[in-house]
N, C-alpha and C. Protein backbone atom coordinates (compact mmCIF):
# COMPACT_ATOMS: atom_id res chain seq x y z
N MET A 1 148.26 157.96 113.23
CA MET A 1 147.10 157.89 114.10
C MET A 1 147.39 156.99 115.27
N GLY A 2 146.69 157.26 116.35
CA GLY A 2 146.88 156.45 117.53
C GLY A 2 145.74 156.64 118.51
N ILE A 3 145.93 156.09 119.68
CA ILE A 3 144.93 156.21 120.74
C ILE A 3 145.30 157.41 121.59
N GLU A 4 144.35 158.30 121.73
CA GLU A 4 144.55 159.53 122.51
C GLU A 4 143.75 159.43 123.80
N THR A 5 144.23 160.09 124.83
CA THR A 5 143.54 160.14 126.11
C THR A 5 143.02 161.56 126.32
N TYR A 6 141.74 161.65 126.65
CA TYR A 6 141.09 162.93 126.88
C TYR A 6 140.46 162.94 128.26
N SER A 7 140.16 164.15 128.73
CA SER A 7 139.44 164.32 129.98
C SER A 7 138.00 164.70 129.65
N LEU A 8 137.05 163.97 130.23
CA LEU A 8 135.65 164.31 130.01
C LEU A 8 135.37 165.72 130.52
N ALA A 9 135.92 166.05 131.69
CA ALA A 9 135.68 167.36 132.29
C ALA A 9 136.29 168.49 131.46
N LYS A 10 137.50 168.31 130.98
CA LYS A 10 138.20 169.38 130.26
C LYS A 10 137.95 169.36 128.76
N ASP A 11 137.81 168.17 128.18
CA ASP A 11 137.75 168.05 126.72
C ASP A 11 136.40 167.56 126.19
N GLY A 12 135.40 167.40 127.03
CA GLY A 12 134.13 166.81 126.64
C GLY A 12 133.51 167.41 125.39
N GLU A 13 133.63 168.72 125.22
CA GLU A 13 133.02 169.39 124.07
C GLU A 13 133.97 169.50 122.87
N LYS A 14 135.18 169.02 123.01
CA LYS A 14 136.15 169.10 121.91
C LYS A 14 135.67 168.29 120.71
N LYS A 15 135.75 168.91 119.54
CA LYS A 15 135.37 168.21 118.31
C LYS A 15 136.52 167.33 117.85
N LEU A 16 136.19 166.07 117.58
CA LEU A 16 137.17 165.12 117.06
C LEU A 16 137.09 165.04 115.54
N SER A 17 135.92 165.38 115.01
CA SER A 17 135.67 165.38 113.57
C SER A 17 134.48 166.31 113.34
N ALA A 18 134.00 166.35 112.11
CA ALA A 18 132.88 167.23 111.79
C ALA A 18 131.64 166.92 112.61
N ASN A 19 131.44 165.67 113.00
CA ASN A 19 130.20 165.29 113.67
C ASN A 19 130.35 164.65 115.04
N PHE A 20 131.56 164.51 115.55
CA PHE A 20 131.74 163.82 116.82
C PHE A 20 132.56 164.63 117.81
N ARG A 21 132.14 164.54 119.08
CA ARG A 21 132.82 165.20 120.18
C ARG A 21 133.32 164.14 121.17
N VAL A 22 134.29 164.51 121.96
CA VAL A 22 134.88 163.60 122.95
C VAL A 22 133.81 162.98 123.83
N ARG A 23 132.86 163.75 124.34
CA ARG A 23 131.86 163.26 125.30
C ARG A 23 131.05 162.08 124.77
N GLU A 24 130.92 161.97 123.45
CA GLU A 24 130.13 160.88 122.87
C GLU A 24 130.79 159.51 123.07
N PHE A 25 132.08 159.50 123.34
CA PHE A 25 132.84 158.27 123.53
C PHE A 25 133.06 157.93 125.00
N ALA A 26 132.55 158.77 125.91
CA ALA A 26 132.77 158.59 127.34
C ALA A 26 132.12 157.31 127.86
N CYS A 27 132.76 156.72 128.84
CA CYS A 27 132.20 155.55 129.50
C CYS A 27 130.90 155.95 130.18
N LYS A 28 129.92 155.09 130.15
CA LYS A 28 128.60 155.38 130.73
C LYS A 28 128.63 155.53 132.24
N ASP A 29 129.75 155.19 132.88
CA ASP A 29 129.85 155.39 134.33
C ASP A 29 130.31 156.81 134.68
N GLY A 30 130.56 157.63 133.65
CA GLY A 30 130.93 159.03 133.87
C GLY A 30 132.37 159.25 134.27
N SER A 31 133.19 158.21 134.18
CA SER A 31 134.58 158.31 134.62
C SER A 31 135.43 159.17 133.68
N ASP A 32 136.54 159.56 134.21
CA ASP A 32 137.54 160.33 133.48
C ASP A 32 138.84 159.57 133.70
N PRO A 33 139.70 159.38 132.77
CA PRO A 33 139.75 159.90 131.40
C PRO A 33 138.99 159.03 130.39
N ILE A 34 139.08 159.44 129.12
CA ILE A 34 138.47 158.72 128.01
C ILE A 34 139.56 158.42 126.99
N MET A 35 139.65 157.17 126.58
CA MET A 35 140.60 156.80 125.53
C MET A 35 139.84 156.66 124.22
N ILE A 36 140.40 157.24 123.15
CA ILE A 36 139.73 157.20 121.84
C ILE A 36 140.77 156.99 120.74
N ASP A 37 140.55 155.98 119.93
CA ASP A 37 141.40 155.73 118.78
C ASP A 37 141.03 156.69 117.66
N GLU A 38 142.00 157.43 117.18
CA GLU A 38 141.74 158.41 116.11
C GLU A 38 141.21 157.73 114.84
N GLU A 39 141.68 156.52 114.55
CA GLU A 39 141.20 155.81 113.37
C GLU A 39 139.72 155.45 113.51
N LEU A 40 139.29 155.11 114.71
CA LEU A 40 137.89 154.80 114.95
C LEU A 40 137.02 156.01 114.61
N VAL A 41 137.46 157.18 115.01
CA VAL A 41 136.70 158.41 114.71
C VAL A 41 136.59 158.60 113.20
N VAL A 42 137.67 158.35 112.47
CA VAL A 42 137.66 158.47 111.02
C VAL A 42 136.65 157.50 110.40
N VAL A 43 136.64 156.26 110.87
CA VAL A 43 135.71 155.25 110.35
C VAL A 43 134.27 155.68 110.63
N LEU A 44 133.98 156.11 111.84
CA LEU A 44 132.62 156.53 112.18
C LEU A 44 132.20 157.76 111.37
N GLN A 45 133.11 158.68 111.18
CA GLN A 45 132.79 159.87 110.38
C GLN A 45 132.47 159.48 108.94
N ARG A 46 133.22 158.55 108.40
CA ARG A 46 132.94 158.10 107.02
C ARG A 46 131.57 157.42 106.92
N ILE A 47 131.22 156.65 107.94
CA ILE A 47 129.89 156.01 107.96
C ILE A 47 128.81 157.09 108.02
N ARG A 48 129.00 158.07 108.89
CA ARG A 48 128.04 159.18 109.04
C ARG A 48 127.86 159.92 107.72
N GLU A 49 128.96 160.21 107.05
CA GLU A 49 128.90 160.95 105.78
C GLU A 49 128.28 160.11 104.67
N HIS A 50 128.58 158.82 104.66
CA HIS A 50 128.04 157.93 103.63
C HIS A 50 126.51 157.91 103.66
N PHE A 51 125.95 157.78 104.86
CA PHE A 51 124.49 157.69 104.98
C PHE A 51 123.82 159.06 105.09
N GLY A 52 124.59 160.08 105.46
CA GLY A 52 124.04 161.42 105.56
C GLY A 52 122.97 161.56 106.65
N LYS A 53 123.09 160.72 107.68
CA LYS A 53 122.12 160.74 108.77
C LYS A 53 122.86 160.64 110.09
N PRO A 54 122.25 161.13 111.18
CA PRO A 54 122.92 161.05 112.48
C PRO A 54 123.30 159.63 112.88
N LEU A 55 124.48 159.52 113.45
CA LEU A 55 125.02 158.28 113.97
C LEU A 55 125.07 158.43 115.48
N HIS A 56 124.43 157.52 116.21
CA HIS A 56 124.34 157.60 117.67
C HIS A 56 125.22 156.54 118.32
N ILE A 57 126.23 156.98 119.04
CA ILE A 57 127.13 156.07 119.75
C ILE A 57 126.48 155.68 121.07
N THR A 58 126.25 154.38 121.26
CA THR A 58 125.64 153.92 122.50
C THR A 58 126.69 153.40 123.49
N SER A 59 127.87 153.06 122.99
CA SER A 59 128.95 152.62 123.86
C SER A 59 130.28 152.88 123.16
N GLY A 60 131.14 153.64 123.81
CA GLY A 60 132.47 153.92 123.29
C GLY A 60 133.49 153.30 124.24
N TYR A 61 134.32 154.16 124.82
CA TYR A 61 135.31 153.70 125.79
C TYR A 61 134.61 153.13 127.02
N ARG A 62 135.19 152.05 127.57
CA ARG A 62 134.69 151.46 128.82
C ARG A 62 135.84 151.25 129.79
N THR A 63 135.60 151.57 131.04
CA THR A 63 136.56 151.22 132.08
C THR A 63 136.42 149.72 132.35
N GLY A 64 137.44 149.14 132.97
CA GLY A 64 137.38 147.72 133.30
C GLY A 64 136.22 147.38 134.21
N SER A 65 135.97 148.23 135.21
CA SER A 65 134.87 147.94 136.14
C SER A 65 133.51 148.05 135.46
N TYR A 66 133.33 149.01 134.57
CA TYR A 66 132.06 149.14 133.86
C TYR A 66 131.87 147.96 132.91
N ASN A 67 132.92 147.59 132.19
CA ASN A 67 132.85 146.49 131.24
C ASN A 67 132.51 145.16 131.93
N ALA A 68 132.92 145.01 133.18
CA ALA A 68 132.70 143.77 133.93
C ALA A 68 131.31 143.69 134.56
N ARG A 69 130.55 144.76 134.52
CA ARG A 69 129.21 144.72 135.12
C ARG A 69 128.33 143.67 134.43
N PRO A 70 127.51 142.96 135.19
CA PRO A 70 126.64 141.93 134.59
C PRO A 70 125.72 142.46 133.50
N ASP A 71 125.23 143.69 133.65
CA ASP A 71 124.31 144.23 132.65
C ASP A 71 125.03 144.65 131.37
N VAL A 72 126.35 144.80 131.43
CA VAL A 72 127.15 145.13 130.24
C VAL A 72 127.62 143.85 129.57
N ASN A 73 128.07 142.90 130.39
CA ASN A 73 128.50 141.59 129.89
C ASN A 73 129.60 141.71 128.84
N GLY A 74 130.55 142.63 129.07
CA GLY A 74 131.63 142.84 128.12
C GLY A 74 132.69 141.76 128.17
N SER A 75 133.30 141.51 127.05
CA SER A 75 134.40 140.55 126.97
C SER A 75 135.60 141.07 127.76
N LYS A 76 136.35 140.16 128.36
CA LYS A 76 137.56 140.56 129.10
C LYS A 76 138.61 141.15 128.17
N THR A 77 138.50 140.85 126.88
CA THR A 77 139.45 141.39 125.90
C THR A 77 138.77 142.41 124.98
N SER A 78 137.71 143.03 125.47
CA SER A 78 136.95 143.99 124.66
C SER A 78 137.82 145.13 124.15
N GLN A 79 137.63 145.47 122.89
CA GLN A 79 138.33 146.60 122.29
C GLN A 79 137.83 147.93 122.88
N HIS A 80 136.65 147.93 123.51
CA HIS A 80 136.14 149.12 124.20
C HIS A 80 137.10 149.54 125.31
N LEU A 81 137.75 148.58 125.95
CA LEU A 81 138.69 148.86 127.05
C LEU A 81 139.91 149.65 126.57
N LEU A 82 140.19 149.58 125.29
CA LEU A 82 141.35 150.25 124.71
C LEU A 82 140.98 151.54 123.98
N GLY A 83 139.69 151.85 123.93
CA GLY A 83 139.24 153.02 123.19
C GLY A 83 139.20 152.79 121.69
N ARG A 84 139.19 151.54 121.29
CA ARG A 84 139.24 151.18 119.87
C ARG A 84 137.90 150.69 119.32
N ALA A 85 136.81 150.84 120.08
CA ALA A 85 135.52 150.29 119.64
C ALA A 85 134.37 151.24 119.94
N ALA A 86 133.34 151.12 119.13
CA ALA A 86 132.09 151.84 119.37
C ALA A 86 130.92 150.97 118.94
N ASP A 87 129.86 151.03 119.73
CA ASP A 87 128.58 150.44 119.37
C ASP A 87 127.69 151.61 118.99
N PHE A 88 126.94 151.48 117.90
CA PHE A 88 126.18 152.62 117.41
C PHE A 88 125.06 152.19 116.47
N TRP A 89 124.19 153.13 116.16
CA TRP A 89 123.15 152.93 115.15
C TRP A 89 123.02 154.22 114.37
N VAL A 90 122.54 154.09 113.16
CA VAL A 90 122.35 155.23 112.27
C VAL A 90 120.86 155.40 112.04
N GLU A 91 120.36 156.60 112.25
CA GLU A 91 118.92 156.86 112.10
C GLU A 91 118.41 156.43 110.73
N GLY A 92 117.37 155.61 110.75
CA GLY A 92 116.69 155.22 109.51
C GLY A 92 117.45 154.27 108.61
N VAL A 93 118.52 153.66 109.11
CA VAL A 93 119.33 152.75 108.30
C VAL A 93 119.39 151.39 109.00
N THR A 94 119.24 150.34 108.25
CA THR A 94 119.25 149.00 108.84
C THR A 94 120.64 148.63 109.36
N ILE A 95 120.64 147.75 110.34
CA ILE A 95 121.89 147.24 110.88
C ILE A 95 122.71 146.57 109.77
N ALA A 96 122.03 145.83 108.91
CA ALA A 96 122.73 145.15 107.81
C ALA A 96 123.41 146.14 106.88
N ALA A 97 122.73 147.21 106.53
CA ALA A 97 123.31 148.20 105.62
C ALA A 97 124.52 148.90 106.25
N VAL A 98 124.42 149.22 107.52
CA VAL A 98 125.54 149.87 108.21
C VAL A 98 126.73 148.93 108.28
N ALA A 99 126.49 147.68 108.69
CA ALA A 99 127.58 146.70 108.80
C ALA A 99 128.20 146.42 107.44
N ASP A 100 127.37 146.32 106.41
CA ASP A 100 127.90 146.09 105.06
C ASP A 100 128.80 147.23 104.61
N TYR A 101 128.41 148.46 104.91
CA TYR A 101 129.26 149.58 104.53
C TYR A 101 130.54 149.60 105.37
N ALA A 102 130.43 149.30 106.65
CA ALA A 102 131.63 149.23 107.50
C ALA A 102 132.62 148.21 106.94
N GLU A 103 132.10 147.14 106.38
CA GLU A 103 132.96 146.11 105.77
C GLU A 103 133.81 146.70 104.65
N THR A 104 133.29 147.65 103.90
CA THR A 104 134.07 148.27 102.82
C THR A 104 135.20 149.13 103.37
N LEU A 105 135.04 149.60 104.59
CA LEU A 105 136.07 150.44 105.21
C LEU A 105 137.15 149.61 105.91
N LEU A 106 136.79 148.42 106.36
CA LEU A 106 137.71 147.54 107.09
C LEU A 106 137.65 146.13 106.50
N PRO A 107 137.97 145.97 105.23
CA PRO A 107 137.78 144.66 104.59
C PRO A 107 138.69 143.54 105.08
N GLU A 108 139.88 143.87 105.54
CA GLU A 108 140.84 142.83 105.91
C GLU A 108 141.18 142.80 107.39
N ARG A 109 140.57 143.66 108.17
CA ARG A 109 140.89 143.72 109.60
C ARG A 109 139.75 144.37 110.35
N GLY A 110 139.92 144.59 111.65
CA GLY A 110 138.90 145.24 112.46
C GLY A 110 137.76 144.30 112.80
N GLY A 111 137.01 144.70 113.80
CA GLY A 111 135.85 143.93 114.21
C GLY A 111 134.57 144.60 113.77
N ILE A 112 133.64 143.79 113.28
CA ILE A 112 132.31 144.28 112.91
C ILE A 112 131.30 143.27 113.44
N GLY A 113 130.48 143.75 114.37
CA GLY A 113 129.46 142.90 114.95
C GLY A 113 128.08 143.46 114.67
N ARG A 114 127.14 142.58 114.42
CA ARG A 114 125.74 142.95 114.14
C ARG A 114 124.90 142.50 115.33
N TYR A 115 124.14 143.44 115.88
CA TYR A 115 123.26 143.16 117.01
C TYR A 115 121.85 143.63 116.64
N PRO A 116 121.11 142.83 115.91
CA PRO A 116 119.80 143.27 115.44
C PRO A 116 118.73 143.28 116.52
N LYS A 117 117.78 144.16 116.35
CA LYS A 117 116.55 144.11 117.14
C LYS A 117 115.58 143.29 116.30
N ASP A 118 115.27 142.11 116.77
CA ASP A 118 114.42 141.22 116.01
C ASP A 118 113.66 140.31 116.96
N LYS A 119 112.96 139.33 116.44
CA LYS A 119 112.17 138.43 117.28
C LYS A 119 113.03 137.66 118.28
N ALA A 120 114.26 137.41 117.92
CA ALA A 120 115.16 136.69 118.82
C ALA A 120 115.69 137.58 119.94
N HIS A 121 115.58 138.90 119.77
CA HIS A 121 116.09 139.87 120.75
C HIS A 121 115.03 140.93 121.05
N PRO A 122 113.89 140.55 121.58
CA PRO A 122 112.78 141.49 121.77
C PRO A 122 113.03 142.57 122.83
N LYS A 123 113.98 142.37 123.73
CA LYS A 123 114.22 143.35 124.79
C LYS A 123 115.13 144.50 124.35
N ARG A 124 115.76 144.37 123.20
CA ARG A 124 116.63 145.45 122.72
C ARG A 124 115.78 146.64 122.30
N LYS A 125 116.17 147.83 122.76
CA LYS A 125 115.47 149.06 122.38
C LYS A 125 115.70 149.37 120.91
N THR A 126 116.89 149.08 120.46
CA THR A 126 117.25 149.27 119.06
C THR A 126 118.34 148.25 118.72
N GLY A 127 118.55 148.00 117.46
CA GLY A 127 119.69 147.19 117.07
C GLY A 127 120.90 148.11 117.00
N TRP A 128 122.08 147.53 116.89
CA TRP A 128 123.28 148.34 116.75
C TRP A 128 124.36 147.56 116.03
N VAL A 129 125.37 148.31 115.62
CA VAL A 129 126.56 147.74 115.00
C VAL A 129 127.74 148.04 115.91
N HIS A 130 128.62 147.09 116.05
CA HIS A 130 129.89 147.28 116.76
C HIS A 130 130.97 147.38 115.69
N VAL A 131 131.82 148.39 115.80
CA VAL A 131 132.98 148.51 114.92
C VAL A 131 134.20 148.75 115.79
N ASP A 132 135.28 148.05 115.49
CA ASP A 132 136.54 148.32 116.20
C ASP A 132 137.71 148.25 115.23
N THR A 133 138.83 148.76 115.68
CA THR A 133 140.01 148.90 114.82
C THR A 133 141.12 147.92 115.17
N ARG A 134 140.77 146.76 115.66
CA ARG A 134 141.78 145.73 115.98
C ARG A 134 142.57 145.37 114.71
N PRO A 135 143.78 144.89 114.87
CA PRO A 135 144.60 144.57 113.69
C PRO A 135 144.14 143.33 112.92
N LYS A 136 143.49 142.40 113.59
CA LYS A 136 143.00 141.18 112.92
C LYS A 136 141.53 141.36 112.53
N LYS A 137 141.07 140.52 111.64
CA LYS A 137 139.68 140.58 111.20
C LYS A 137 138.80 139.68 112.06
N SER A 138 137.64 140.23 112.48
CA SER A 138 136.66 139.46 113.25
C SER A 138 135.26 139.94 112.89
N ARG A 139 134.35 138.99 112.65
CA ARG A 139 132.96 139.30 112.29
C ARG A 139 132.03 138.41 113.08
N TRP A 140 130.89 138.95 113.52
CA TRP A 140 129.93 138.16 114.27
C TRP A 140 128.54 138.81 114.24
N THR A 141 127.55 138.01 114.58
CA THR A 141 126.16 138.46 114.73
C THR A 141 125.64 137.86 116.03
N LEU A 142 125.05 138.70 116.87
CA LEU A 142 124.49 138.23 118.15
C LEU A 142 123.08 138.73 118.31
């Protein structure tokens, strides 16, 4: 497995797995190309199958310029820049349950971040989980 490069224009409808297409990982600025880690797709598919409910990717691949925007506030070393990360939520499933299950898939490595919609974050439309396939282990809640 590795990181593949796709074209939004040419490959946008291409199925990467049973439930995910290339376009779902596209940068929100509409740019082409799109980088996607094949292992990330496998992890997301397993999460989707485990809960049996739609998984909505809110942020996949990011270009450097999009990641640097003030409203995105992305880290300069974001795994999104490499196509190795996705922010997402699963319909009807708590952020804690999704993150806990992701932990079973990446127990010794990868990044798992929890971004709850709660009293401390009232402006969030929804909470989400960040999962990435970095070689080292990293966990956080924001």
